[in-house]
């Protein structure tokens, strides 16, 4: 069975007040989004991810 995940990682993070969007803030040397993607991959390495660039 094919599986997919929808990770909503858009936005600018204005409330955080930083120069970088929160999904790209580094934690432990990696962006927050990468930590999330790795956890999904660990749970099921066959999961399919698709991305959509900003403004699309």
Foldseek 3Di string as FASTA:
>chain_A
DAAEDDDDQDDQCVVVVDPGRQQQDDDPRGGVVVVVVVVVCVVPVRHDYDDDDPPD
